[in-house]
Amino acid sequence: AIAACARGFAWPAALQLLEDLAVPGEVSYTSVINACGNGHEWSLAVHLLSLMKSSWISPSRISCNATISACEKGQAWRE
């Protein structure tokens, strides 16, 4: 369901689904990070990557690339 939200640019719904999970994992976080990137919410994507680390979830290369992509889509490189 989260991945479908990412494809449909529905990052708020994806974030809500993540919050509703009892124990979210790396794949769930990555899907929401992708949704944030599609919605140009790069700062939220960076925050979610940070949350993964503080929750003892090791970000994968895919998670990191999704976050970088979100920053690119949101033109965060200008800041």
PDB file of N, CA and C in Angstrom:
ATOM      1  N   ALA A   1       0.817  -1.191   0.000  1.00  0.00           N
ATOM      2  CA  ALA A   1       0.000   0.000   0.000  1.00  0.00           C
ATOM      3  C   ALA A   1       0.863   1.258   0.000  1.00  0.00           C
ATOM      4  N   ILE A   2       1.962   1.230   0.769  1.00  0.00           N
ATOM      5  CA  ILE A   2       2.846   2.391   0.821  1.00  0.00           C
ATOM      6  C   ILE A   2       3.474   2.638  -0.547  1.00  0.00           C
ATOM      7  N   ALA A   3       3.892   1.583  -1.209  1.00  0.00           N
ATOM      8  CA  ALA A   3       4.501   1.731  -2.534  1.00  0.00           C
ATOM      9  C   ALA A   3       3.499   2.310  -3.529  1.00  0.00           C
ATOM     10  N   ALA A   4       2.249   1.939  -3.415  1.00  0.00           N
ATOM     11  CA  ALA A   4       1.223   2.493  -4.298  1.00  0.00           C
ATOM     12  C   ALA A   4       1.064   3.987  -4.056  1.00  0.00           C
ATOM     13  N   CYS A   5       1.162   4.402  -2.817  1.00  0.00           N
ATOM     14  CA  CYS A   5       1.098   5.830  -2.501  1.00  0.00           C
ATOM     15  C   CYS A   5       2.293   6.560  -3.117  1.00  0.00           C
ATOM     16  N   ALA A   6       3.447   5.927  -3.092  1.00  0.00           N
ATOM     17  CA  ALA A   6       4.648   6.539  -3.667  1.00  0.00           C
ATOM     18  C   ALA A   6       4.470   6.748  -5.163  1.00  0.00           C
ATOM     19  N   ARG A   7       3.902   5.765  -5.825  1.00  0.00           N
ATOM     20  CA  ARG A   7       3.685   5.883  -7.272  1.00  0.00           C
ATOM     21  C   ARG A   7       2.626   6.927  -7.586  1.00  0.00           C
ATOM     22  N   GLY A   8       1.694   7.132  -6.677  1.00  0.00           N
ATOM     23  CA  GLY A   8       0.606   8.072  -6.901  1.00  0.00           C
ATOM     24  C   GLY A   8       0.850   9.449  -6.315  1.00  0.00           C
ATOM     25  N   PHE A   9       2.072   9.731  -5.903  1.00  0.00           N
ATOM     26  CA  PHE A   9       2.439  11.038  -5.351  1.00  0.00           C
ATOM     27  C   PHE A   9       1.645  11.379  -4.089  1.00  0.00           C
ATOM     28  N   ALA A  10       1.232  10.375  -3.347  1.00  0.00           N
ATOM     29  CA  ALA A  10       0.422  10.582  -2.147  1.00  0.00           C
ATOM     30  C   ALA A  10       1.286  10.429  -0.900  1.00  0.00           C
ATOM     31  N   TRP A  11       2.274  11.297  -0.753  1.00  0.00           N
ATOM     32  CA  TRP A  11       3.193  11.157   0.372  1.00  0.00           C
ATOM     33  C   TRP A  11       2.500  11.292   1.735  1.00  0.00           C
ATOM     34  N   PRO A  12       1.457  12.136   1.911  1.00  0.00           N
ATOM     35  CA  PRO A  12       0.815  12.181   3.236  1.00  0.00           C
ATOM     36  C   PRO A  12       0.197  10.828   3.625  1.00  0.00           C
ATOM     37  N   ALA A  13      -0.426  10.157   2.665  1.00  0.00           N
ATOM     38  CA  ALA A  13      -1.021   8.846   2.954  1.00  0.00           C
ATOM     39  C   ALA A  13       0.057   7.823   3.255  1.00  0.00           C
ATOM     40  N   ALA A  14       1.168   7.882   2.522  1.00  0.00           N
ATOM     41  CA  ALA A  14       2.278   6.959   2.767  1.00  0.00           C
ATOM     42  C   ALA A  14       2.846   7.173   4.168  1.00  0.00           C
ATOM     43  N   LEU A  15       2.984   8.427   4.566  1.00  0.00           N
ATOM     44  CA  LEU A  15       3.498   8.731   5.898  1.00  0.00           C
ATOM     45  C   LEU A  15       2.556   8.218   6.974  1.00  0.00           C
ATOM     46  N   GLN A  16       1.265   8.361   6.760  1.00  0.00           N
ATOM     47  CA  GLN A  16       0.279   7.862   7.727  1.00  0.00           C
ATOM     48  C   GLN A  16       0.352   6.343   7.849  1.00  0.00           C
ATOM     49  N   LEU A  17       0.493   5.661   6.720  1.00  0.00           N
ATOM     50  CA  LEU A  17       0.617   4.199   6.762  1.00  0.00           C
ATOM     51  C   LEU A  17       1.872   3.779   7.513  1.00  0.00           C
ATOM     52  N   LEU A  18       2.966   4.510   7.330  1.00  0.00           N
ATOM     53  CA  LEU A  18       4.203   4.206   8.057  1.00  0.00           C
ATOM     54  C   LEU A  18       3.994   4.368   9.559  1.00  0.00           C
ATOM     55  N   GLU A  19       3.325   5.448   9.941  1.00  0.00           N
ATOM     56  CA  GLU A  19       3.068   5.695  11.358  1.00  0.00           C
ATOM     57  C   GLU A  19       2.154   4.641  11.969  1.00  0.00           C
ATOM     58  N   ASP A  20       1.286   4.053  11.145  1.00  0.00           N
ATOM     59  CA  ASP A  20       0.343   3.038  11.633  1.00  0.00           C
ATOM     60  C   ASP A  20       0.980   1.662  11.822  1.00  0.00           C
ATOM     61  N   LEU A  21       2.154   1.459  11.229  1.00  0.00           N
ATOM     62  CA  LEU A  21       2.822   0.163  11.356  1.00  0.00           C
ATOM     63  C   LEU A  21       3.372  -0.022  12.763  1.00  0.00           C
ATOM     64  N   ALA A  22       3.209  -1.209  13.308  1.00  0.00           N
ATOM     65  CA  ALA A  22       3.729  -1.496  14.647  1.00  0.00           C
ATOM     66  C   ALA A  22       5.253  -1.449  14.649  1.00  0.00           C
ATOM     67  N   VAL A  23       5.848  -2.086  13.673  1.00  0.00           N
ATOM     68  CA  VAL A  23       7.311  -2.131  13.570  1.00  0.00           C
ATOM     69  C   VAL A  23       7.699  -1.912  12.107  1.00  0.00           C
ATOM     70  N   PRO A  24       7.849  -0.646  11.714  1.00  0.00           N
ATOM     71  CA  PRO A  24       8.224  -0.399  10.323  1.00  0.00           C
ATOM     72  C   PRO A  24       9.653  -0.854  10.050  1.00  0.00           C
ATOM     73  N   GLY A  25       9.887  -1.320   8.848  1.00  0.00           N
ATOM     74  CA  GLY A  25      11.212  -1.788   8.463  1.00  0.00           C
ATOM     75  C   GLY A  25      11.825  -0.901   7.395  1.00  0.00           C
ATOM     76  N   GLU A  26      12.971  -1.327   6.930  1.00  0.00           N
ATOM     77  CA  GLU A  26      13.739  -0.559   5.950  1.00  0.00           C
ATOM     78  C   GLU A  26      12.959  -0.361   4.660  1.00  0.00           C
ATOM     79  N   VAL A  27      12.268  -1.387   4.196  1.00  0.00           N
ATOM     80  CA  VAL A  27      11.512  -1.287   2.943  1.00  0.00           C
ATOM     81  C   VAL A  27      10.372  -0.274   3.091  1.00  0.00           C
ATOM     82  N   SER A  28       9.693  -0.283   4.219  1.00  0.00           N
ATOM     83  CA  SER A  28       8.600   0.665   4.449  1.00  0.00           C
ATOM     84  C   SER A  28       9.113   2.102   4.466  1.00  0.00           C
ATOM     85  N   TYR A  29      10.199   2.325   5.188  1.00  0.00           N
ATOM     86  CA  TYR A  29      10.785   3.664   5.229  1.00  0.00           C
ATOM     87  C   TYR A  29      11.207   4.112   3.832  1.00  0.00           C
ATOM     88  N   THR A  30      11.840   3.224   3.093  1.00  0.00           N
ATOM     89  CA  THR A  30      12.308   3.568   1.750  1.00  0.00           C
ATOM     90  C   THR A  30      11.144   3.927   0.836  1.00  0.00           C
ATOM     91  N   SER A  31      10.056   3.207   0.947  1.00  0.00           N
ATOM     92  CA  SER A  31       8.878   3.510   0.130  1.00  0.00           C
ATOM     93  C   SER A  31       8.330   4.895   0.454  1.00  0.00           C
ATOM     94  N   VAL A  32       8.302   5.243   1.723  1.00  0.00           N
ATOM     95  CA  VAL A  32       7.809   6.572   2.109  1.00  0.00           C
ATOM     96  C   VAL A  32       8.789   7.653   1.661  1.00  0.00           C
ATOM     97  N   ILE A  33      10.079   7.374   1.752  1.00  0.00           N
ATOM     98  CA  ILE A  33      11.086   8.323   1.258  1.00  0.00           C
ATOM     99  C   ILE A  33      10.881   8.556  -0.234  1.00  0.00           C
ATOM    100  N   ASN A  34      10.593   7.501  -0.983  1.00  0.00           N
ATOM    101  CA  ASN A  34      10.294   7.645  -2.411  1.00  0.00           C
ATOM    102  C   ASN A  34       9.052   8.509  -2.625  1.00  0.00           C
ATOM    103  N   ALA A  35       8.025   8.275  -1.827  1.00  0.00           N
ATOM    104  CA  ALA A  35       6.804   9.078  -1.938  1.00  0.00           C
ATOM    105  C   ALA A  35       7.104  10.547  -1.655  1.00  0.00           C
ATOM    106  N   CYS A  36       7.927  10.803  -0.656  1.00  0.00           N
ATOM    107  CA  CYS A  36       8.301  12.184  -0.339  1.00  0.00           C
ATOM    108  C   CYS A  36       9.065  12.809  -1.500  1.00  0.00           C
ATOM    109  N   GLY A  37       9.934  12.049  -2.109  1.00  0.00           N
ATOM    110  CA  GLY A  37      10.672  12.555  -3.263  1.00  0.00           C
ATOM    111  C   GLY A  37       9.747  12.907  -4.403  1.00  0.00           C
ATOM    112  N   ASN A  38       8.767  12.054  -4.662  1.00  0.00           N
ATOM    113  CA  ASN A  38       7.802  12.323  -5.726  1.00  0.00           C
ATOM    114  C   ASN A  38       6.963  13.560  -5.422  1.00  0.00           C
ATOM    115  N   GLY A  39       6.779  13.839  -4.144  1.00  0.00           N
ATOM    116  CA  GLY A  39       6.010  15.016  -3.733  1.00  0.00           C
ATOM    117  C   GLY A  39       6.869  16.234  -3.456  1.00  0.00           C
ATOM    118  N   HIS A  40       8.153  16.150  -3.797  1.00  0.00           N
ATOM    119  CA  HIS A  40       9.104  17.253  -3.593  1.00  0.00           C
ATOM    120  C   HIS A  40       9.234  17.651  -2.127  1.00  0.00           C
ATOM    121  N   GLU A  41       9.078  16.693  -1.242  1.00  0.00           N
ATOM    122  CA  GLU A  41       9.219  16.904   0.202  1.00  0.00           C
ATOM    123  C   GLU A  41      10.582  16.387   0.656  1.00  0.00           C
ATOM    124  N   TRP A  42      11.639  17.000   0.147  1.00  0.00           N
ATOM    125  CA  TRP A  42      12.987  16.501   0.400  1.00  0.00           C
ATOM    126  C   TRP A  42      13.375  16.566   1.871  1.00  0.00           C
ATOM    127  N   SER A  43      12.941  17.594   2.587  1.00  0.00           N
ATOM    128  CA  SER A  43      13.338  17.707   3.994  1.00  0.00           C
ATOM    129  C   SER A  43      12.726  16.582   4.824  1.00  0.00           C
ATOM    130  N   LEU A  44      11.516  16.173   4.479  1.00  0.00           N
ATOM    131  CA  LEU A  44      10.884  15.045   5.169  1.00  0.00           C
ATOM    132  C   LEU A  44      11.613  13.749   4.844  1.00  0.00           C
ATOM    133  N   ALA A  45      12.060  13.610   3.610  1.00  0.00           N
ATOM    134  CA  ALA A  45      12.820  12.420   3.222  1.00  0.00           C
ATOM    135  C   ALA A  45      14.108  12.310   4.039  1.00  0.00           C
ATOM    136  N   VAL A  46      14.804  13.428   4.201  1.00  0.00           N
ATOM    137  CA  VAL A  46      16.039  13.440   5.001  1.00  0.00           C
ATOM    138  C   VAL A  46      15.718  13.107   6.455  1.00  0.00           C
ATOM    139  N   HIS A  47      14.622  13.654   6.952  1.00  0.00           N
ATOM    140  CA  HIS A  47      14.202  13.372   8.329  1.00  0.00           C
ATOM    141  C   HIS A  47      13.903  11.880   8.516  1.00  0.00           C
ATOM    142  N   LEU A  48      13.236  11.281   7.550  1.00  0.00           N
ATOM    143  CA  LEU A  48      12.917   9.854   7.647  1.00  0.00           C
ATOM    144  C   LEU A  48      14.180   8.998   7.633  1.00  0.00           C
ATOM    145  N   LEU A  49      15.159   9.374   6.833  1.00  0.00           N
ATOM    146  CA  LEU A  49      16.427   8.642   6.827  1.00  0.00           C
ATOM    147  C   LEU A  49      17.080   8.729   8.207  1.00  0.00           C
ATOM    148  N   SER A  50      17.030   9.898   8.801  1.00  0.00           N
ATOM    149  CA  SER A  50      17.567  10.080  10.149  1.00  0.00           C
ATOM    150  C   SER A  50      16.799   9.244  11.171  1.00  0.00           C
ATOM    151  N   LEU A  51      15.474   9.189  11.023  1.00  0.00           N
ATOM    152  CA  LEU A  51      14.660   8.367  11.922  1.00  0.00           C
ATOM    153  C   LEU A  51      15.020   6.890  11.824  1.00  0.00           C
ATOM    154  N   MET A  52      15.313   6.445  10.614  1.00  0.00           N
ATOM    155  CA  MET A  52      15.724   5.052  10.435  1.00  0.00           C
ATOM    156  C   MET A  52      16.942   4.757  11.302  1.00  0.00           C
ATOM    157  N   LYS A  53      17.926   5.636  11.220  1.00  0.00           N
ATOM    158  CA  LYS A  53      19.170   5.427  11.967  1.00  0.00           C
ATOM    159  C   LYS A  53      18.916   5.441  13.471  1.00  0.00           C
ATOM    160  N   SER A  54      18.087   6.380  13.928  1.00  0.00           N
ATOM    161  CA  SER A  54      17.827   6.468  15.371  1.00  0.00           C
ATOM    162  C   SER A  54      16.952   5.316  15.865  1.00  0.00           C
ATOM    163  N   SER A  55      16.278   4.633  14.937  1.00  0.00           N
ATOM    164  CA  SER A  55      15.454   3.474  15.291  1.00  0.00           C
ATOM    165  C   SER A  55      16.207   2.157  15.112  1.00  0.00           C
ATOM    166  N   TRP A  56      17.500   2.245  14.905  1.00  0.00           N
ATOM    167  CA  TRP A  56      18.370   1.091  14.722  1.00  0.00           C
ATOM    168  C   TRP A  56      18.037   0.293  13.464  1.00  0.00           C
ATOM    169  N   ILE A  57      17.530   0.985  12.459  1.00  0.00           N
ATOM    170  CA  ILE A  57      17.272   0.368  11.158  1.00  0.00           C
ATOM    171  C   ILE A  57      18.361   0.849  10.218  1.00  0.00           C
ATOM    172  N   SER A  58      19.137  -0.064   9.696  1.00  0.00           N
ATOM    173  CA  SER A  58      20.234   0.302   8.814  1.00  0.00           C
ATOM    174  C   SER A  58      19.697   0.668   7.429  1.00  0.00           C
ATOM    175  N   PRO A  59      19.922   1.909   7.023  1.00  0.00           N
ATOM    176  CA  PRO A  59      19.498   2.289   5.678  1.00  0.00           C
ATOM    177  C   PRO A  59      20.294   1.521   4.628  1.00  0.00           C
ATOM    178  N   SER A  60      19.610   1.067   3.609  1.00  0.00           N
ATOM    179  CA  SER A  60      20.290   0.371   2.524  1.00  0.00           C
ATOM    180  C   SER A  60      20.794   1.396   1.513  1.00  0.00           C
ATOM    181  N   ARG A  61      21.500   0.919   0.545  1.00  0.00           N
ATOM    182  CA  ARG A  61      21.942   1.777  -0.550  1.00  0.00           C
ATOM    183  C   ARG A  61      20.717   2.371  -1.256  1.00  0.00           C
ATOM    184  N   ILE A  62      19.654   1.583  -1.343  1.00  0.00           N
ATOM    185  CA  ILE A  62      18.425   2.054  -1.987  1.00  0.00           C
ATOM    186  C   ILE A  62      17.797   3.189  -1.177  1.00  0.00           C
ATOM    187  N   SER A  63      17.795   3.057   0.149  1.00  0.00           N
ATOM    188  CA  SER A  63      17.254   4.118   1.012  1.00  0.00           C
ATOM    189  C   SER A  63      18.035   5.419   0.835  1.00  0.00           C
ATOM    190  N   CYS A  64      19.344   5.287   0.818  1.00  0.00           N
ATOM    191  CA  CYS A  64      20.198   6.471   0.666  1.00  0.00           C
ATOM    192  C   CYS A  64      20.008   7.103  -0.708  1.00  0.00           C
ATOM    193  N   ASN A  65      19.928   6.278  -1.742  1.00  0.00           N
ATOM    194  CA  ASN A  65      19.717   6.807  -3.089  1.00  0.00           C
ATOM    195  C   ASN A  65      18.346   7.475  -3.219  1.00  0.00           C
ATOM    196  N   ALA A  66      17.336   6.908  -2.574  1.00  0.00           N
ATOM    197  CA  ALA A  66      16.000   7.511  -2.609  1.00  0.00           C
ATOM    198  C   ALA A  66      16.011   8.887  -1.939  1.00  0.00           C
ATOM    199  N   THR A  67      16.762   9.008  -0.864  1.00  0.00           N
ATOM    200  CA  THR A  67      16.879  10.292  -0.169  1.00  0.00           C
ATOM    201  C   THR A  67      17.619  11.304  -1.029  1.00  0.00           C
ATOM    202  N   ILE A  68      18.691  10.881  -1.654  1.00  0.00           N
ATOM    203  CA  ILE A  68      19.434  11.767  -2.558  1.00  0.00           C
ATOM    204  C   ILE A  68      18.541  12.209  -3.706  1.00  0.00           C
ATOM    205  N   SER A  69      17.770  11.283  -4.253  1.00  0.00           N
ATOM    206  CA  SER A  69      16.851  11.604  -5.338  1.00  0.00           C
ATOM    207  C   SER A  69      15.794  12.610  -4.887  1.00  0.00           C
ATOM    208  N   ALA A  70      15.290  12.444  -3.664  1.00  0.00           N
ATOM    209  CA  ALA A  70      14.297  13.389  -3.132  1.00  0.00           C
ATOM    210  C   ALA A  70      14.897  14.785  -3.027  1.00  0.00           C
ATOM    211  N   CYS A  71      16.149  14.863  -2.591  1.00  0.00           N
ATOM    212  CA  CYS A  71      16.823  16.158  -2.494  1.00  0.00           C
ATOM    213  C   CYS A  71      17.001  16.783  -3.870  1.00  0.00           C
ATOM    214  N   GLU A  72      17.315  15.951  -4.847  1.00  0.00           N
ATOM    215  CA  GLU A  72      17.479  16.451  -6.209  1.00  0.00           C
ATOM    216  C   GLU A  72      16.139  16.975  -6.755  1.00  0.00           C
ATOM    217  N   LYS A  73      15.075  16.194  -6.561  1.00  0.00           N
ATOM    218  CA  LYS A  73      13.763  16.602  -7.054  1.00  0.00           C
ATOM    219  C   LYS A  73      13.275  17.881  -6.384  1.00  0.00           C
ATOM    220  N   GLY A  74      13.629  18.038  -5.115  1.00  0.00           N
ATOM    221  CA  GLY A  74      13.234  19.234  -4.372  1.00  0.00           C
ATOM    222  C   GLY A  74      14.222  20.370  -4.519  1.00  0.00           C
ATOM    223  N   GLN A  75      15.226  20.162  -5.339  1.00  0.00           N
ATOM    224  CA  GLN A  75      16.283  21.145  -5.594  1.00  0.00           C
ATOM    225  C   GLN A  75      16.952  21.608  -4.306  1.00  0.00           C
ATOM    226  N   ALA A  76      17.127  20.671  -3.370  1.00  0.00           N
ATOM    227  CA  ALA A  76      17.776  20.985  -2.095  1.00  0.00           C
ATOM    228  C   ALA A  76      19.238  21.321  -2.287  1.00  0.00           C
ATOM    229  N   TRP A  77      19.817  20.938  -3.391  1.00  0.00           N
ATOM    230  CA  TRP A  77      21.217  21.213  -3.655  1.00  0.00           C
ATOM    231  C   TRP A  77      21.470  22.707  -3.782  1.00  0.00           C
ATOM    232  N   ARG A  78      20.416  23.483  -3.976  1.00  0.00           N
ATOM    233  CA  ARG A  78      20.574  24.938  -4.078  1.00  0.00           C
ATOM    234  C   ARG A  78      20.767  25.576  -2.715  1.00  0.00           C
ATOM    235  N   GLU A  79      20.409  24.858  -1.659  1.00  0.00           N
ATOM    236  CA  GLU A  79      20.492  25.417  -0.306  1.00  0.00           C
ATOM    237  C   GLU A  79      21.815  25.116   0.327  1.00  0.00           C
TER     238      GLU A  79
END
